[in-house]
Amino acid sequence: MMSEMRGTEPSEFRFESSTGEHHKTPSPSSSHGNETRMHMDYPEPPSPRDPKGINDHVKVTFDEIIAEPESAYSYDQVWDVSKRTYKGTKSWCYRILSFCCAVPLAFFWGLYFGCLACVQIWCVVPCVKGYVINLHCYGKIWALFLSTFVDPCFESIGRMFSGIKFTARKETIA
């Protein structure tokens, strides 16, 4: 769960961890003289777990799912409770499912991509390289065949039609 950042004073931030504990982190800009007040014993806010945004399509907020037109508003309290219920249910459902599935699926995907890399490195690339080497030999034979049998035919046909000349005239019909 991402930490909530609430300002308590102009020079301090309060970070709420997933356990509900509050941690104060002084702003690096607050200083006494030339010293900067920075304490290393405070935890850093969590770093983003999807820095490249590969799962941006999964971010679904309450406002993207539920929308009331002006002609059909519920009570504000009902709307707020519904919004909190949605966020809490989605958050806890994800936590429970990831608790049950994350380690086995991480093991599976690690095994899968490890095997895939091994097959790619030790089987596919050497086979393709051998195929390319063999094709080089076949390519030389094919080029010899084309230059021996096909090129003379096309050269003869080209010489037959090289004497044809076209003249373009523009005539106007009156």
C-alpha atoms as a PDB file:
ATOM      1  CA  MET A   1       0.000   0.000   0.000  1.00  0.00           C
ATOM      2  CA  MET A   2       1.390   3.375  -0.882  1.00  0.00           C
ATOM      3  CA  SER A   3       1.960   5.655   2.090  1.00  0.00           C
ATOM      4  CA  GLU A   4      -0.217   8.622   2.628  1.00  0.00           C
ATOM      5  CA  MET A   5       1.669  11.873   2.965  1.00  0.00           C
ATOM      6  CA  ARG A   6       0.052  14.388   5.257  1.00  0.00           C
ATOM      7  CA  GLY A   7       1.673  17.700   6.103  1.00  0.00           C
ATOM      8  CA  THR A   8       1.793  18.294   9.840  1.00  0.00           C
ATOM      9  CA  GLU A   9       3.964  21.379   9.802  1.00  0.00           C
ATOM     10  CA  PRO A  10       5.390  23.395   6.921  1.00  0.00           C
ATOM     11  CA  SER A  11       8.817  21.758   7.342  1.00  0.00           C
ATOM     12  CA  GLU A  12       7.727  18.199   8.198  1.00  0.00           C
ATOM     13  CA  PHE A  13       5.987  15.330   6.458  1.00  0.00           C
ATOM     14  CA  ARG A  14       4.205  12.462   8.131  1.00  0.00           C
ATOM     15  CA  PHE A  15       4.329   9.071   6.450  1.00  0.00           C
ATOM     16  CA  GLU A  16       1.853   6.371   7.382  1.00  0.00           C
ATOM     17  CA  SER A  17       3.175   2.873   6.917  1.00  0.00           C
ATOM     18  CA  SER A  18       1.060  -0.146   6.038  1.00  0.00           C
ATOM     19  CA  THR A  19       1.016  -1.108   9.754  1.00  0.00           C
ATOM     20  CA  GLY A  20      -0.589   2.210  10.652  1.00  0.00           C
ATOM     21  CA  GLU A  21       2.497   3.664  12.365  1.00  0.00           C
ATOM     22  CA  HIS A  22       3.233   7.331  11.808  1.00  0.00           C
ATOM     23  CA  HIS A  23       6.784   8.447  11.067  1.00  0.00           C
ATOM     24  CA  LYS A  24       7.911  12.052  10.966  1.00  0.00           C
ATOM     25  CA  THR A  25      10.509  13.018   8.411  1.00  0.00           C
ATOM     26  CA  PRO A  26      11.876  16.535   8.651  1.00  0.00           C
ATOM     27  CA  SER A  27      12.269  18.442   5.453  1.00  0.00           C
ATOM     28  CA  PRO A  28      15.876  18.794   4.298  1.00  0.00           C
ATOM     29  CA  SER A  29      15.231  22.505   3.838  1.00  0.00           C
ATOM     30  CA  SER A  30      14.729  23.143   7.558  1.00  0.00           C
ATOM     31  CA  SER A  31      18.081  24.133   8.962  1.00  0.00           C
ATOM     32  CA  HIS A  32      19.758  25.783  11.900  1.00  0.00           C
ATOM     33  CA  GLY A  33      22.675  27.852  10.665  1.00  0.00           C
ATOM     34  CA  ASN A  34      24.728  25.804   8.229  1.00  0.00           C
ATOM     35  CA  GLU A  35      23.560  22.414   9.546  1.00  0.00           C
ATOM     36  CA  THR A  36      20.811  20.544   7.810  1.00  0.00           C
ATOM     37  CA  ARG A  37      18.479  18.593  10.090  1.00  0.00           C
ATOM     38  CA  MET A  38      18.211  15.146   8.557  1.00  0.00           C
ATOM     39  CA  HIS A  39      17.724  11.985  10.571  1.00  0.00           C
ATOM     40  CA  MET A  40      18.639   8.677   8.991  1.00  0.00           C
ATOM     41  CA  ASP A  41      16.510   6.600  11.394  1.00  0.00           C
ATOM     42  CA  TYR A  42      13.272   7.557   9.657  1.00  0.00           C
ATOM     43  CA  PRO A  43      12.064   5.203   6.932  1.00  0.00           C
ATOM     44  CA  GLU A  44      11.927   6.449   3.382  1.00  0.00           C
ATOM     45  CA  PRO A  45       8.566   6.504   1.655  1.00  0.00           C
ATOM     46  CA  PRO A  46       8.135   3.331  -0.400  1.00  0.00           C
ATOM     47  CA  SER A  47       9.588   3.429  -3.875  1.00  0.00           C
ATOM     48  CA  PRO A  48       7.218   2.850  -6.779  1.00  0.00           C
ATOM     49  CA  ARG A  49       6.889  -0.839  -7.572  1.00  0.00           C
ATOM     50  CA  ASP A  50       5.963  -0.244 -11.215  1.00  0.00           C
ATOM     51  CA  PRO A  51       8.475   2.432 -12.297  1.00  0.00           C
ATOM     52  CA  LYS A  52       8.066   1.659 -16.014  1.00  0.00           C
ATOM     53  CA  GLY A  53       4.271   1.745 -15.843  1.00  0.00           C
ATOM     54  CA  ILE A  54       3.706  -1.689 -17.392  1.00  0.00           C
ATOM     55  CA  ASN A  55       0.512  -2.150 -15.374  1.00  0.00           C
ATOM     56  CA  ASP A  56      -1.052   1.286 -15.759  1.00  0.00           C
ATOM     57  CA  HIS A  57      -4.118  -0.303 -17.324  1.00  0.00           C
ATOM     58  CA  VAL A  58      -4.855  -2.092 -14.015  1.00  0.00           C
ATOM     59  CA  LYS A  59      -5.217   1.119 -11.993  1.00  0.00           C
ATOM     60  CA  VAL A  60      -8.973   1.302 -11.616  1.00  0.00           C
ATOM     61  CA  THR A  61     -10.346   3.899  -9.228  1.00  0.00           C
ATOM     62  CA  PHE A  62     -13.859   4.167  -7.843  1.00  0.00           C
ATOM     63  CA  ASP A  63     -14.548   7.248  -9.966  1.00  0.00           C
ATOM     64  CA  GLU A  64     -13.698   5.307 -13.139  1.00  0.00           C
ATOM     65  CA  ILE A  65     -16.217   2.572 -12.270  1.00  0.00           C
ATOM     66  CA  ILE A  66     -19.093   4.316 -10.521  1.00  0.00           C
ATOM     67  CA  ALA A  67     -20.458   7.656 -11.661  1.00  0.00           C
ATOM     68  CA  GLU A  68     -23.759   9.269 -10.744  1.00  0.00           C
ATOM     69  CA  PRO A  69     -25.340  11.657 -13.214  1.00  0.00           C
ATOM     70  CA  GLU A  70     -26.709  14.934 -11.852  1.00  0.00           C
ATOM     71  CA  SER A  71     -30.255  13.620 -12.048  1.00  0.00           C
ATOM     72  CA  ALA A  72     -29.542  10.677  -9.718  1.00  0.00           C
ATOM     73  CA  TYR A  73     -27.387  11.624  -6.730  1.00  0.00           C
ATOM     74  CA  SER A  74     -27.265   9.535  -3.584  1.00  0.00           C
ATOM     75  CA  TYR A  75     -26.566  11.009  -0.170  1.00  0.00           C
ATOM     76  CA  ASP A  76     -23.011  12.274   0.266  1.00  0.00           C
ATOM     77  CA  GLN A  77     -22.475   9.950   3.227  1.00  0.00           C
ATOM     78  CA  VAL A  78     -23.583   6.936   1.164  1.00  0.00           C
ATOM     79  CA  TRP A  79     -21.251   7.996  -1.650  1.00  0.00           C
ATOM     80  CA  ASP A  80     -18.297   8.399   0.741  1.00  0.00           C
ATOM     81  CA  VAL A  81     -18.933   5.061   2.490  1.00  0.00           C
ATOM     82  CA  SER A  82     -19.327   3.332  -0.886  1.00  0.00           C
ATOM     83  CA  LYS A  83     -16.053   4.811  -2.101  1.00  0.00           C
ATOM     84  CA  ARG A  84     -14.190   3.742   1.055  1.00  0.00           C
ATOM     85  CA  THR A  85     -15.782   0.278   0.885  1.00  0.00           C
ATOM     86  CA  TYR A  86     -14.689  -0.146  -2.738  1.00  0.00           C
ATOM     87  CA  LYS A  87     -11.127   0.955  -2.010  1.00  0.00           C
ATOM     88  CA  GLY A  88     -10.836  -1.212   1.091  1.00  0.00           C
ATOM     89  CA  THR A  89     -12.366  -4.296  -0.521  1.00  0.00           C
ATOM     90  CA  LYS A  90     -10.184  -3.981  -3.620  1.00  0.00           C
ATOM     91  CA  SER A  91      -7.085  -3.405  -1.514  1.00  0.00           C
ATOM     92  CA  TRP A  92      -7.687  -6.318   0.877  1.00  0.00           C
ATOM     93  CA  CYS A  93      -8.761  -8.674  -1.912  1.00  0.00           C
ATOM     94  CA  TYR A  94      -5.512  -7.934  -3.734  1.00  0.00           C
ATOM     95  CA  ARG A  95      -3.487  -8.355  -0.535  1.00  0.00           C
ATOM     96  CA  ILE A  96      -5.055 -11.705   0.338  1.00  0.00           C
ATOM     97  CA  LEU A  97      -4.730 -13.067  -3.195  1.00  0.00           C
ATOM     98  CA  SER A  98      -1.151 -11.834  -3.543  1.00  0.00           C
ATOM     99  CA  PHE A  99      -0.323 -13.333  -0.129  1.00  0.00           C
ATOM    100  CA  CYS A 100      -1.641 -16.709  -1.308  1.00  0.00           C
ATOM    101  CA  CYS A 101      -0.347 -16.608  -4.880  1.00  0.00           C
ATOM    102  CA  ALA A 102       2.701 -14.315  -5.042  1.00  0.00           C
ATOM    103  CA  VAL A 103       5.393 -16.724  -3.848  1.00  0.00           C
ATOM    104  CA  PRO A 104       4.214 -19.778  -5.862  1.00  0.00           C
ATOM    105  CA  LEU A 105       3.684 -17.662  -8.985  1.00  0.00           C
ATOM    106  CA  ALA A 106       7.031 -15.907  -8.528  1.00  0.00           C
ATOM    107  CA  PHE A 107       8.615 -19.378  -8.303  1.00  0.00           C
ATOM    108  CA  PHE A 108       6.735 -20.516 -11.441  1.00  0.00           C
ATOM    109  CA  TRP A 109       7.618 -17.400 -13.486  1.00  0.00           C
ATOM    110  CA  GLY A 110      11.231 -17.510 -12.327  1.00  0.00           C
ATOM    111  CA  LEU A 111      11.399 -21.160 -13.367  1.00  0.00           C
ATOM    112  CA  TYR A 112       9.678 -20.421 -16.691  1.00  0.00           C
ATOM    113  CA  PHE A 113      11.884 -17.477 -17.669  1.00  0.00           C
ATOM    114  CA  GLY A 114      14.994 -19.269 -16.427  1.00  0.00           C
ATOM    115  CA  CYS A 115      14.175 -22.272 -18.654  1.00  0.00           C
ATOM    116  CA  LEU A 116      13.286 -19.963 -21.529  1.00  0.00           C
ATOM    117  CA  ALA A 117      16.623 -18.146 -21.230  1.00  0.00           C
ATOM    118  CA  CYS A 118      18.494 -21.456 -21.013  1.00  0.00           C
ATOM    119  CA  VAL A 119      16.761 -22.859 -24.102  1.00  0.00           C
ATOM    120  CA  GLN A 120      17.311 -19.604 -25.989  1.00  0.00           C
ATOM    121  CA  ILE A 121      21.009 -19.397 -25.088  1.00  0.00           C
ATOM    122  CA  TRP A 122      21.977 -23.080 -25.345  1.00  0.00           C
ATOM    123  CA  CYS A 123      19.595 -24.426 -28.022  1.00  0.00           C
ATOM    124  CA  VAL A 124      17.881 -21.861 -30.253  1.00  0.00           C
ATOM    125  CA  VAL A 125      20.766 -19.477 -30.974  1.00  0.00           C
ATOM    126  CA  PRO A 126      23.274 -22.256 -31.803  1.00  0.00           C
ATOM    127  CA  CYS A 127      20.708 -23.989 -34.056  1.00  0.00           C
ATOM    128  CA  VAL A 128      19.945 -20.743 -35.884  1.00  0.00           C
ATOM    129  CA  LYS A 129      23.662 -20.018 -36.245  1.00  0.00           C
ATOM    130  CA  GLY A 130      24.232 -23.513 -37.716  1.00  0.00           C
ATOM    131  CA  TYR A 131      21.298 -23.000 -40.064  1.00  0.00           C
ATOM    132  CA  VAL A 132      22.739 -19.651 -41.225  1.00  0.00           C
ATOM    133  CA  ILE A 133      26.127 -21.283 -41.850  1.00  0.00           C
ATOM    134  CA  ASN A 134      24.470 -24.031 -43.921  1.00  0.00           C
ATOM    135  CA  LEU A 135      22.400 -21.476 -45.821  1.00  0.00           C
ATOM    136  CA  HIS A 136      25.584 -19.695 -46.827  1.00  0.00           C
ATOM    137  CA  CYS A 137      26.692 -22.832 -48.667  1.00  0.00           C
ATOM    138  CA  TYR A 138      23.244 -23.267 -50.263  1.00  0.00           C
ATOM    139  CA  GLY A 139      23.236 -19.570 -51.158  1.00  0.00           C
ATOM    140  CA  LYS A 140      26.436 -19.976 -53.154  1.00  0.00           C
ATOM    141  CA  ILE A 141      24.962 -22.970 -55.026  1.00  0.00           C
ATOM    142  CA  TRP A 142      21.757 -20.999 -55.709  1.00  0.00           C
ATOM    143  CA  ALA A 143      23.722 -17.972 -56.969  1.00  0.00           C
ATOM    144  CA  LEU A 144      25.733 -20.258 -59.281  1.00  0.00           C
ATOM    145  CA  PHE A 145      22.488 -21.767 -60.660  1.00  0.00           C
ATOM    146  CA  LEU A 146      20.978 -18.320 -61.279  1.00  0.00           C
ATOM    147  CA  SER A 147      24.075 -16.929 -62.993  1.00  0.00           C
ATOM    148  CA  THR A 148      24.418 -20.053 -65.150  1.00  0.00           C
ATOM    149  CA  PHE A 149      20.832 -20.656 -66.309  1.00  0.00           C
ATOM    150  CA  VAL A 150      18.551 -17.722 -65.481  1.00  0.00           C
ATOM    151  CA  ASP A 151      20.773 -14.684 -66.110  1.00  0.00           C
ATOM    152  CA  PRO A 152      21.462 -15.598 -69.785  1.00  0.00           C
ATOM    153  CA  CYS A 153      17.717 -15.943 -70.471  1.00  0.00           C
ATOM    154  CA  PHE A 154      16.921 -12.532 -69.013  1.00  0.00           C
ATOM    155  CA  GLU A 155      19.885 -10.932 -70.793  1.00  0.00           C
ATOM    156  CA  SER A 156      18.631 -12.349 -74.127  1.00  0.00           C
ATOM    157  CA  ILE A 157      15.098 -11.114 -73.493  1.00  0.00           C
ATOM    158  CA  GLY A 158      16.461  -7.723 -72.478  1.00  0.00           C
ATOM    159  CA  ARG A 159      18.504  -7.430 -75.679  1.00  0.00           C
ATOM    160  CA  MET A 160      15.480  -8.460 -77.804  1.00  0.00           C
ATOM    161  CA  PHE A 161      13.379  -5.652 -76.424  1.00  0.00           C
ATOM    162  CA  SER A 162      16.162  -3.055 -76.153  1.00  0.00           C
ATOM    163  CA  GLY A 163      15.646  -1.910 -79.731  1.00  0.00           C
ATOM    164  CA  ILE A 164      12.012  -0.868 -79.114  1.00  0.00           C
ATOM    165  CA  LYS A 165      11.603   2.859 -78.837  1.00  0.00           C
ATOM    166  CA  PHE A 166       8.511   4.682 -77.752  1.00  0.00           C
ATOM    167  CA  THR A 167       7.633   8.157 -78.873  1.00  0.00           C
ATOM    168  CA  ALA A 168       4.995  10.075 -77.057  1.00  0.00           C
ATOM    169  CA  ARG A 169       2.942  12.629 -78.920  1.00  0.00           C
ATOM    170  CA  LYS A 170       0.319  14.861 -77.615  1.00  0.00           C
ATOM    171  CA  GLU A 171      -2.511  15.551 -79.993  1.00  0.00           C
ATOM    172  CA  THR A 172      -5.366  17.902 -79.419  1.00  0.00           C
ATOM    173  CA  ILE A 173      -8.726  17.170 -80.919  1.00  0.00           C
ATOM    174  CA  ALA A 174     -10.453  20.266 -82.168  1.00  0.00           C
END
